[in-house]
N, C-alpha and C. Protein backbone atom coordinates (compact mmCIF):
# COMPACT_ATOMS: atom_id res chain seq x y z
N ILE A 1 11.93 16.73 10.74
CA ILE A 1 12.86 15.85 10.03
C ILE A 1 12.52 14.40 10.32
N ARG A 2 13.02 13.54 9.46
CA ARG A 2 12.87 12.11 9.69
C ARG A 2 14.04 11.62 10.52
N GLN A 3 13.94 10.38 10.95
CA GLN A 3 14.92 9.85 11.89
C GLN A 3 16.35 9.85 11.35
N GLU A 4 16.54 9.68 10.02
CA GLU A 4 17.91 9.65 9.51
C GLU A 4 18.58 11.03 9.57
N GLY A 5 17.80 12.09 9.78
CA GLY A 5 18.38 13.43 9.92
C GLY A 5 18.62 13.84 11.36
N GLU A 6 18.29 12.96 12.30
CA GLU A 6 18.37 13.33 13.71
C GLU A 6 19.78 13.65 14.18
N LEU A 7 20.77 12.87 13.77
CA LEU A 7 22.15 13.15 14.22
C LEU A 7 22.62 14.52 13.74
N ALA A 8 22.33 14.85 12.49
CA ALA A 8 22.71 16.17 11.97
C ALA A 8 21.97 17.27 12.72
N ALA A 9 20.69 17.06 13.00
CA ALA A 9 19.90 18.05 13.72
C ALA A 9 20.45 18.27 15.13
N LYS A 10 20.84 17.20 15.79
CA LYS A 10 21.42 17.33 17.13
C LYS A 10 22.73 18.11 17.09
N GLN A 11 23.53 17.86 16.07
CA GLN A 11 24.80 18.58 15.91
C GLN A 11 24.55 20.07 15.68
N LEU A 12 23.59 20.40 14.83
CA LEU A 12 23.24 21.80 14.58
C LEU A 12 22.70 22.47 15.84
N LYS A 13 21.92 21.74 16.61
CA LYS A 13 21.39 22.26 17.88
C LYS A 13 22.54 22.55 18.84
N LYS A 14 23.47 21.61 18.93
CA LYS A 14 24.61 21.75 19.85
C LYS A 14 25.53 22.90 19.44
N ARG A 15 25.85 22.98 18.16
CA ARG A 15 26.81 23.98 17.69
C ARG A 15 26.23 25.37 17.51
N PHE A 16 24.98 25.44 17.04
CA PHE A 16 24.43 26.75 16.68
C PHE A 16 23.11 27.08 17.37
N GLY A 17 22.60 26.16 18.18
CA GLY A 17 21.33 26.40 18.86
C GLY A 17 20.12 26.28 17.95
N THR A 18 20.30 25.64 16.81
CA THR A 18 19.21 25.49 15.84
C THR A 18 18.17 24.49 16.37
N PRO A 19 16.94 24.94 16.58
CA PRO A 19 15.92 24.00 17.05
C PRO A 19 15.53 23.03 15.95
N TYR A 20 15.04 21.88 16.34
CA TYR A 20 14.55 20.90 15.36
C TYR A 20 13.39 20.13 15.95
N LEU A 21 12.65 19.51 15.07
CA LEU A 21 11.51 18.70 15.48
C LEU A 21 11.60 17.37 14.75
N LEU A 22 11.73 16.32 15.51
CA LEU A 22 11.78 14.98 14.94
C LEU A 22 10.34 14.51 14.75
N ALA A 23 9.79 14.85 13.60
CA ALA A 23 8.39 14.53 13.32
C ALA A 23 8.12 14.72 11.84
N ARG A 24 7.09 14.03 11.39
CA ARG A 24 6.64 14.16 10.01
C ARG A 24 5.12 14.07 10.04
N PRO A 25 4.44 15.17 9.71
CA PRO A 25 2.99 15.19 9.89
C PRO A 25 2.21 14.41 8.83
N TYR A 26 1.16 13.75 9.27
CA TYR A 26 0.22 13.06 8.40
C TYR A 26 -1.19 13.40 8.85
N GLY A 27 -2.07 13.65 7.93
CA GLY A 27 -3.46 13.93 8.25
C GLY A 27 -3.67 15.34 8.76
N ILE A 28 -4.92 15.68 8.96
CA ILE A 28 -5.27 17.02 9.40
C ILE A 28 -4.85 17.24 10.84
N GLU A 29 -5.26 16.36 11.74
CA GLU A 29 -4.91 16.52 13.15
C GLU A 29 -3.40 16.41 13.36
N GLY A 30 -2.76 15.47 12.67
CA GLY A 30 -1.32 15.33 12.78
C GLY A 30 -0.59 16.58 12.34
N THR A 31 -1.08 17.21 11.28
CA THR A 31 -0.47 18.45 10.79
C THR A 31 -0.69 19.59 11.78
N LEU A 32 -1.87 19.68 12.36
CA LEU A 32 -2.13 20.73 13.35
C LEU A 32 -1.25 20.56 14.59
N GLU A 33 -1.07 19.33 15.04
CA GLU A 33 -0.17 19.08 16.17
C GLU A 33 1.26 19.47 15.81
N TRP A 34 1.69 19.15 14.59
CA TRP A 34 3.03 19.49 14.12
C TRP A 34 3.21 21.01 14.08
N ILE A 35 2.20 21.72 13.58
CA ILE A 35 2.27 23.19 13.53
C ILE A 35 2.40 23.75 14.94
N ASP A 36 1.63 23.23 15.89
CA ASP A 36 1.72 23.70 17.28
C ASP A 36 3.12 23.49 17.84
N LYS A 37 3.73 22.36 17.54
CA LYS A 37 5.09 22.10 18.02
C LYS A 37 6.10 23.04 17.38
N ILE A 38 5.93 23.31 16.09
CA ILE A 38 6.82 24.25 15.39
C ILE A 38 6.69 25.64 16.01
N VAL A 39 5.47 26.06 16.30
CA VAL A 39 5.24 27.37 16.93
C VAL A 39 5.97 27.45 18.26
N LYS A 40 5.88 26.37 19.05
CA LYS A 40 6.53 26.37 20.37
C LYS A 40 8.04 26.46 20.29
N ILE A 41 8.65 25.70 19.37
CA ILE A 41 10.12 25.71 19.32
C ILE A 41 10.68 26.90 18.54
N SER A 42 9.86 27.52 17.70
CA SER A 42 10.35 28.63 16.88
C SER A 42 10.02 30.00 17.45
N GLY A 43 8.99 30.06 18.29
CA GLY A 43 8.57 31.34 18.81
C GLY A 43 7.75 32.16 17.82
N LEU A 44 7.36 31.56 16.71
CA LEU A 44 6.55 32.26 15.71
C LEU A 44 5.12 32.45 16.22
N THR A 45 4.43 33.40 15.64
CA THR A 45 3.04 33.64 15.98
C THR A 45 2.16 32.98 14.93
N LEU A 46 1.17 32.28 15.39
CA LEU A 46 0.27 31.53 14.52
C LEU A 46 -0.92 32.39 14.12
N ASP A 47 -1.31 32.33 12.86
CA ASP A 47 -2.52 33.00 12.37
C ASP A 47 -3.67 32.02 12.55
N ASN A 48 -4.31 32.08 13.71
CA ASN A 48 -5.36 31.12 14.05
C ASN A 48 -6.54 31.15 13.09
N ASN A 49 -6.88 32.32 12.58
CA ASN A 49 -8.00 32.41 11.62
C ASN A 49 -7.68 31.64 10.35
N PHE A 50 -6.44 31.77 9.87
CA PHE A 50 -6.03 31.04 8.67
C PHE A 50 -6.05 29.54 8.92
N ILE A 51 -5.50 29.11 10.06
CA ILE A 51 -5.46 27.69 10.40
C ILE A 51 -6.89 27.13 10.48
N LYS A 52 -7.77 27.85 11.15
CA LYS A 52 -9.16 27.40 11.29
C LYS A 52 -9.83 27.29 9.92
N SER A 53 -9.62 28.27 9.06
CA SER A 53 -10.20 28.26 7.72
C SER A 53 -9.69 27.07 6.90
N GLU A 54 -8.39 26.82 6.96
CA GLU A 54 -7.80 25.71 6.21
C GLU A 54 -8.29 24.36 6.74
N LYS A 55 -8.43 24.25 8.06
CA LYS A 55 -8.94 23.01 8.64
C LYS A 55 -10.38 22.76 8.18
N GLU A 56 -11.19 23.80 8.19
CA GLU A 56 -12.58 23.65 7.74
C GLU A 56 -12.66 23.23 6.28
N LYS A 57 -11.83 23.84 5.43
CA LYS A 57 -11.81 23.46 4.01
C LYS A 57 -11.39 22.01 3.85
N SER A 58 -10.34 21.63 4.56
CA SER A 58 -9.83 20.26 4.47
C SER A 58 -10.86 19.26 4.97
N MET A 59 -11.50 19.57 6.07
CA MET A 59 -12.50 18.65 6.63
C MET A 59 -13.69 18.49 5.67
N SER A 60 -14.09 19.58 5.01
CA SER A 60 -15.22 19.46 4.08
C SER A 60 -14.83 18.60 2.87
N GLN A 61 -13.56 18.65 2.49
CA GLN A 61 -13.10 17.84 1.36
C GLN A 61 -12.95 16.37 1.71
N ILE A 62 -12.53 16.09 2.93
CA ILE A 62 -12.26 14.70 3.31
C ILE A 62 -13.46 14.01 3.95
N SER A 63 -14.45 14.75 4.39
CA SER A 63 -15.58 14.13 5.11
C SER A 63 -16.30 13.05 4.30
N PRO A 64 -16.47 13.17 2.97
CA PRO A 64 -17.09 12.05 2.25
C PRO A 64 -16.27 10.76 2.35
N ALA A 65 -14.96 10.87 2.31
CA ALA A 65 -14.11 9.68 2.43
C ALA A 65 -14.23 9.08 3.83
N ILE A 66 -14.27 9.92 4.84
CA ILE A 66 -14.41 9.42 6.21
C ILE A 66 -15.74 8.68 6.36
N SER A 67 -16.80 9.22 5.78
CA SER A 67 -18.10 8.54 5.82
C SER A 67 -18.03 7.18 5.13
N ALA A 68 -17.34 7.13 4.00
CA ALA A 68 -17.19 5.85 3.28
C ALA A 68 -16.42 4.84 4.12
N PHE A 69 -15.34 5.28 4.77
CA PHE A 69 -14.57 4.37 5.63
C PHE A 69 -15.43 3.89 6.80
N GLN A 70 -16.24 4.77 7.39
CA GLN A 70 -17.10 4.37 8.50
C GLN A 70 -18.09 3.30 8.06
N HIS A 71 -18.60 3.43 6.85
CA HIS A 71 -19.52 2.41 6.31
C HIS A 71 -18.80 1.07 6.16
N VAL A 72 -17.59 1.10 5.61
CA VAL A 72 -16.81 -0.13 5.42
C VAL A 72 -16.51 -0.76 6.78
N ILE A 73 -16.15 0.05 7.76
CA ILE A 73 -15.83 -0.46 9.10
C ILE A 73 -17.04 -1.19 9.69
N ARG A 74 -18.22 -0.62 9.51
CA ARG A 74 -19.45 -1.25 10.04
C ARG A 74 -19.84 -2.51 9.26
N GLU A 75 -19.80 -2.42 7.95
CA GLU A 75 -20.35 -3.48 7.11
C GLU A 75 -19.35 -4.58 6.75
N GLN A 76 -18.09 -4.23 6.60
CA GLN A 76 -17.07 -5.19 6.18
C GLN A 76 -15.76 -4.93 6.94
N PRO A 77 -15.74 -5.20 8.23
CA PRO A 77 -14.57 -4.85 9.04
C PRO A 77 -13.25 -5.45 8.54
N ASP A 78 -13.30 -6.60 7.87
CA ASP A 78 -12.07 -7.18 7.33
C ASP A 78 -11.44 -6.28 6.27
N GLU A 79 -12.28 -5.52 5.57
CA GLU A 79 -11.79 -4.61 4.53
C GLU A 79 -11.29 -3.30 5.13
N ALA A 80 -11.53 -3.08 6.41
CA ALA A 80 -11.14 -1.83 7.07
C ALA A 80 -9.77 -1.94 7.74
N ARG A 81 -9.04 -3.00 7.43
CA ARG A 81 -7.70 -3.17 7.98
C ARG A 81 -6.69 -2.51 7.05
N ILE A 82 -5.66 -1.91 7.63
CA ILE A 82 -4.59 -1.32 6.83
C ILE A 82 -3.27 -1.95 7.23
N SER A 83 -2.57 -2.47 6.24
CA SER A 83 -1.24 -3.06 6.44
C SER A 83 -0.25 -2.21 5.68
N LEU A 84 0.90 -1.97 6.30
CA LEU A 84 1.88 -1.05 5.74
C LEU A 84 3.28 -1.62 5.83
N GLY A 85 4.08 -1.41 4.79
CA GLY A 85 5.48 -1.82 4.81
C GLY A 85 6.33 -0.78 4.11
N GLY A 86 7.40 -0.34 4.77
CA GLY A 86 8.28 0.66 4.16
C GLY A 86 9.16 1.32 5.21
N HIS A 87 9.55 2.56 4.94
CA HIS A 87 10.37 3.35 5.87
C HIS A 87 9.59 3.50 7.18
N ARG A 88 10.26 3.29 8.30
CA ARG A 88 9.57 3.30 9.59
C ARG A 88 8.79 4.59 9.84
N ASP A 89 9.38 5.73 9.55
CA ASP A 89 8.70 7.00 9.80
C ASP A 89 7.44 7.13 8.95
N VAL A 90 7.51 6.67 7.71
CA VAL A 90 6.35 6.72 6.81
C VAL A 90 5.26 5.78 7.30
N VAL A 91 5.64 4.55 7.64
CA VAL A 91 4.67 3.56 8.14
C VAL A 91 4.01 4.09 9.41
N LYS A 92 4.81 4.59 10.32
CA LYS A 92 4.29 5.10 11.59
C LYS A 92 3.33 6.27 11.36
N GLY A 93 3.70 7.18 10.47
CA GLY A 93 2.86 8.34 10.19
C GLY A 93 1.54 7.99 9.53
N ILE A 94 1.60 7.15 8.50
CA ILE A 94 0.37 6.75 7.81
C ILE A 94 -0.52 5.94 8.75
N LEU A 95 0.09 5.07 9.55
CA LEU A 95 -0.69 4.26 10.49
C LEU A 95 -1.41 5.15 11.50
N SER A 96 -0.70 6.13 12.03
CA SER A 96 -1.31 7.04 12.99
C SER A 96 -2.51 7.76 12.37
N TYR A 97 -2.33 8.26 11.16
CA TYR A 97 -3.43 8.93 10.45
C TYR A 97 -4.59 7.97 10.20
N ALA A 98 -4.28 6.78 9.71
CA ALA A 98 -5.32 5.81 9.38
C ALA A 98 -6.14 5.40 10.60
N GLU A 99 -5.46 5.18 11.72
CA GLU A 99 -6.16 4.76 12.94
C GLU A 99 -6.91 5.91 13.60
N GLU A 100 -6.23 7.04 13.76
CA GLU A 100 -6.80 8.13 14.55
C GLU A 100 -7.81 8.99 13.79
N GLU A 101 -7.59 9.19 12.49
CA GLU A 101 -8.48 10.08 11.76
C GLU A 101 -9.47 9.35 10.85
N LEU A 102 -9.10 8.17 10.39
CA LEU A 102 -9.99 7.41 9.50
C LEU A 102 -10.62 6.21 10.19
N SER A 103 -10.20 5.92 11.42
CA SER A 103 -10.72 4.80 12.22
C SER A 103 -10.48 3.44 11.59
N LEU A 104 -9.44 3.33 10.76
CA LEU A 104 -9.10 2.03 10.18
C LEU A 104 -8.45 1.16 11.25
N ILE A 105 -8.43 -0.12 11.01
CA ILE A 105 -7.91 -1.10 11.97
C ILE A 105 -6.50 -1.50 11.54
N ARG A 106 -5.60 -1.51 12.50
CA ARG A 106 -4.21 -1.86 12.20
C ARG A 106 -4.11 -3.32 11.77
N GLY A 107 -3.50 -3.52 10.61
CA GLY A 107 -3.16 -4.85 10.15
C GLY A 107 -1.71 -5.12 10.49
N THR A 108 -1.01 -5.82 9.62
CA THR A 108 0.40 -6.11 9.82
C THR A 108 1.22 -4.94 9.28
N CYS A 109 2.13 -4.44 10.09
CA CYS A 109 2.97 -3.30 9.70
C CYS A 109 4.43 -3.65 9.93
N TRP A 110 5.28 -3.23 9.00
CA TRP A 110 6.70 -3.53 9.10
C TRP A 110 7.52 -2.43 8.45
N CYS A 111 8.81 -2.40 8.82
CA CYS A 111 9.72 -1.48 8.16
C CYS A 111 10.71 -2.29 7.34
N ASP A 112 11.33 -1.61 6.39
CA ASP A 112 12.22 -2.30 5.45
C ASP A 112 13.70 -2.10 5.77
N SER A 113 14.00 -1.66 6.99
CA SER A 113 15.39 -1.45 7.39
C SER A 113 15.59 -1.97 8.81
N GLU A 114 16.52 -2.90 8.97
CA GLU A 114 16.81 -3.43 10.31
C GLU A 114 17.22 -2.32 11.26
N ALA A 115 17.99 -1.35 10.75
CA ALA A 115 18.49 -0.26 11.58
C ALA A 115 17.38 0.64 12.11
N MET A 116 16.24 0.67 11.45
CA MET A 116 15.15 1.55 11.85
C MET A 116 14.03 0.82 12.60
N ALA A 117 14.18 -0.46 12.78
CA ALA A 117 13.13 -1.24 13.45
C ALA A 117 12.94 -0.77 14.89
N SER A 118 11.72 -0.95 15.38
CA SER A 118 11.40 -0.62 16.77
C SER A 118 10.41 -1.66 17.28
N GLU A 119 10.06 -1.56 18.54
CA GLU A 119 9.06 -2.49 19.08
C GLU A 119 7.71 -2.29 18.40
N GLU A 120 7.43 -1.06 18.03
CA GLU A 120 6.15 -0.72 17.41
C GLU A 120 6.10 -1.14 15.93
N ILE A 121 7.21 -0.92 15.22
CA ILE A 121 7.30 -1.24 13.79
C ILE A 121 8.50 -2.17 13.60
N LEU A 122 8.23 -3.45 13.43
CA LEU A 122 9.29 -4.45 13.31
C LEU A 122 9.88 -4.47 11.90
N TYR A 123 11.12 -4.93 11.80
CA TYR A 123 11.74 -5.17 10.49
C TYR A 123 11.29 -6.53 9.98
N PHE A 124 10.93 -6.60 8.71
CA PHE A 124 10.59 -7.87 8.08
C PHE A 124 11.53 -8.12 6.92
N SER A 125 12.07 -9.32 6.87
CA SER A 125 12.83 -9.76 5.70
C SER A 125 11.83 -9.99 4.56
N GLU A 126 12.34 -10.26 3.36
CA GLU A 126 11.43 -10.50 2.23
C GLU A 126 10.49 -11.66 2.52
N ASN A 127 11.01 -12.75 3.07
CA ASN A 127 10.15 -13.90 3.38
C ASN A 127 9.07 -13.53 4.39
N GLU A 128 9.43 -12.69 5.36
CA GLU A 128 8.45 -12.30 6.38
C GLU A 128 7.37 -11.39 5.81
N TRP A 129 7.75 -10.42 4.96
CA TRP A 129 6.70 -9.56 4.40
C TRP A 129 5.83 -10.32 3.41
N VAL A 130 6.39 -11.30 2.72
CA VAL A 130 5.57 -12.13 1.84
C VAL A 130 4.51 -12.85 2.67
N GLN A 131 4.91 -13.45 3.79
CA GLN A 131 3.95 -14.13 4.66
C GLN A 131 2.93 -13.16 5.23
N ALA A 132 3.38 -11.97 5.60
CA ALA A 132 2.46 -10.96 6.14
C ALA A 132 1.40 -10.59 5.11
N ILE A 133 1.82 -10.37 3.88
CA ILE A 133 0.87 -10.02 2.82
C ILE A 133 -0.10 -11.16 2.56
N LEU A 134 0.41 -12.39 2.55
CA LEU A 134 -0.47 -13.54 2.34
C LEU A 134 -1.51 -13.67 3.45
N SER A 135 -1.12 -13.30 4.68
CA SER A 135 -2.05 -13.42 5.81
C SER A 135 -3.06 -12.27 5.85
N GLU A 136 -2.80 -11.20 5.12
CA GLU A 136 -3.70 -10.04 5.09
C GLU A 136 -4.32 -9.94 3.70
N GLU A 137 -5.15 -10.91 3.35
CA GLU A 137 -5.75 -10.96 2.01
C GLU A 137 -6.69 -9.80 1.74
N LYS A 138 -7.36 -9.33 2.77
CA LYS A 138 -8.34 -8.26 2.60
C LYS A 138 -7.79 -6.97 3.19
N GLY A 139 -8.46 -5.89 2.91
CA GLY A 139 -8.07 -4.61 3.46
C GLY A 139 -7.12 -3.86 2.55
N ILE A 140 -6.57 -2.80 3.09
CA ILE A 140 -5.68 -1.91 2.35
C ILE A 140 -4.24 -2.34 2.59
N LEU A 141 -3.47 -2.42 1.52
CA LEU A 141 -2.04 -2.71 1.62
C LEU A 141 -1.28 -1.55 0.99
N MET A 142 -0.36 -0.97 1.75
CA MET A 142 0.53 0.07 1.24
C MET A 142 1.95 -0.41 1.51
N ALA A 143 2.75 -0.52 0.44
CA ALA A 143 4.10 -1.06 0.58
C ALA A 143 4.91 -0.65 -0.66
N SER A 144 5.97 -1.40 -0.94
CA SER A 144 6.78 -1.12 -2.13
C SER A 144 6.01 -1.49 -3.39
N GLY A 145 6.40 -0.87 -4.50
CA GLY A 145 5.79 -1.23 -5.77
C GLY A 145 5.97 -2.70 -6.08
N GLU A 146 7.16 -3.20 -5.76
CA GLU A 146 7.47 -4.61 -5.98
C GLU A 146 6.50 -5.52 -5.21
N ALA A 147 6.28 -5.21 -3.93
CA ALA A 147 5.39 -6.02 -3.09
C ALA A 147 3.95 -5.93 -3.58
N LEU A 148 3.51 -4.73 -3.94
CA LEU A 148 2.14 -4.55 -4.42
C LEU A 148 1.90 -5.29 -5.73
N LYS A 149 2.86 -5.22 -6.64
CA LYS A 149 2.72 -5.92 -7.92
C LYS A 149 2.70 -7.42 -7.68
N TRP A 150 3.61 -7.92 -6.85
CA TRP A 150 3.67 -9.35 -6.55
C TRP A 150 2.34 -9.83 -5.97
N ALA A 151 1.76 -9.03 -5.07
CA ALA A 151 0.51 -9.40 -4.40
C ALA A 151 -0.73 -9.13 -5.25
N LYS A 152 -0.51 -8.57 -6.45
CA LYS A 152 -1.62 -8.20 -7.33
C LYS A 152 -2.58 -7.23 -6.63
N ARG A 153 -1.98 -6.24 -5.98
CA ARG A 153 -2.74 -5.21 -5.27
C ARG A 153 -2.55 -3.87 -5.98
N ASN A 154 -3.22 -2.87 -5.52
CA ASN A 154 -3.23 -1.55 -6.15
C ASN A 154 -1.85 -0.89 -6.07
N ILE A 155 -1.17 -0.78 -7.21
CA ILE A 155 0.19 -0.22 -7.20
C ILE A 155 0.20 1.29 -6.96
N ASP A 156 -0.96 1.93 -7.00
CA ASP A 156 -1.02 3.35 -6.66
C ASP A 156 -0.84 3.59 -5.17
N LEU A 157 -0.86 2.52 -4.38
CA LEU A 157 -0.68 2.65 -2.93
C LEU A 157 0.77 2.40 -2.51
N GLN A 158 1.69 2.61 -3.44
CA GLN A 158 3.12 2.43 -3.15
C GLN A 158 3.60 3.53 -2.21
N ILE A 159 4.29 3.12 -1.14
CA ILE A 159 4.86 4.09 -0.20
C ILE A 159 6.36 3.89 0.00
N SER A 160 6.94 2.90 -0.69
CA SER A 160 8.38 2.67 -0.55
C SER A 160 8.92 2.04 -1.83
N ASN A 161 10.22 1.92 -1.89
CA ASN A 161 10.90 1.29 -3.03
C ASN A 161 11.21 -0.15 -2.66
N PRO A 162 11.47 -1.04 -3.60
CA PRO A 162 11.69 -0.76 -5.01
C PRO A 162 10.39 -0.48 -5.76
N ASP A 163 10.55 0.42 -6.72
CA ASP A 163 9.45 0.82 -7.58
C ASP A 163 9.38 -0.15 -8.76
N ILE A 164 8.30 -0.05 -9.51
CA ILE A 164 8.16 -0.94 -10.67
C ILE A 164 8.07 -0.17 -11.99
N LYS A 165 8.14 1.17 -11.92
CA LYS A 165 8.07 1.96 -13.15
C LYS A 165 8.77 3.30 -12.94
N TRP A 166 9.09 3.94 -14.05
CA TRP A 166 9.66 5.29 -14.00
C TRP A 166 8.56 6.27 -13.64
N ARG A 167 8.87 7.19 -12.79
CA ARG A 167 7.89 8.22 -12.41
C ARG A 167 8.40 9.58 -12.80
């Protein structure tokens, strides 16, 4: 579950013994770690052959992209930065995947809710995220549709609202 479901999960755990996992998996390794945690708290048995097969398929599909990112990191490190703005759990998850599995470099990252801010992912007001985007001219930007459109960046990299079109 995401952080906004934590209070309900704690209540269910207290009243009914329902286990929960405060996590949201991103990437291949992140998903495998999440599966291991689910196995531990649920007592389920894992089909290791299936997991291994799926990991191999996924790695063969993503390896060309990883090679491309490695080339960008070597040749144009400024373009290998990733900046993210949105829900804290989403920003944290994508950032973890980008750094650990794709070897991208952390740019400016922020969350869009004061209540969800942390030392790791700060809350930015509109003026602050505007300045952050202006300071990160190169690299990958993932944020709200509104921010991406304003910055004239790829709107397909939207990870939060407000949106700019009906989907």
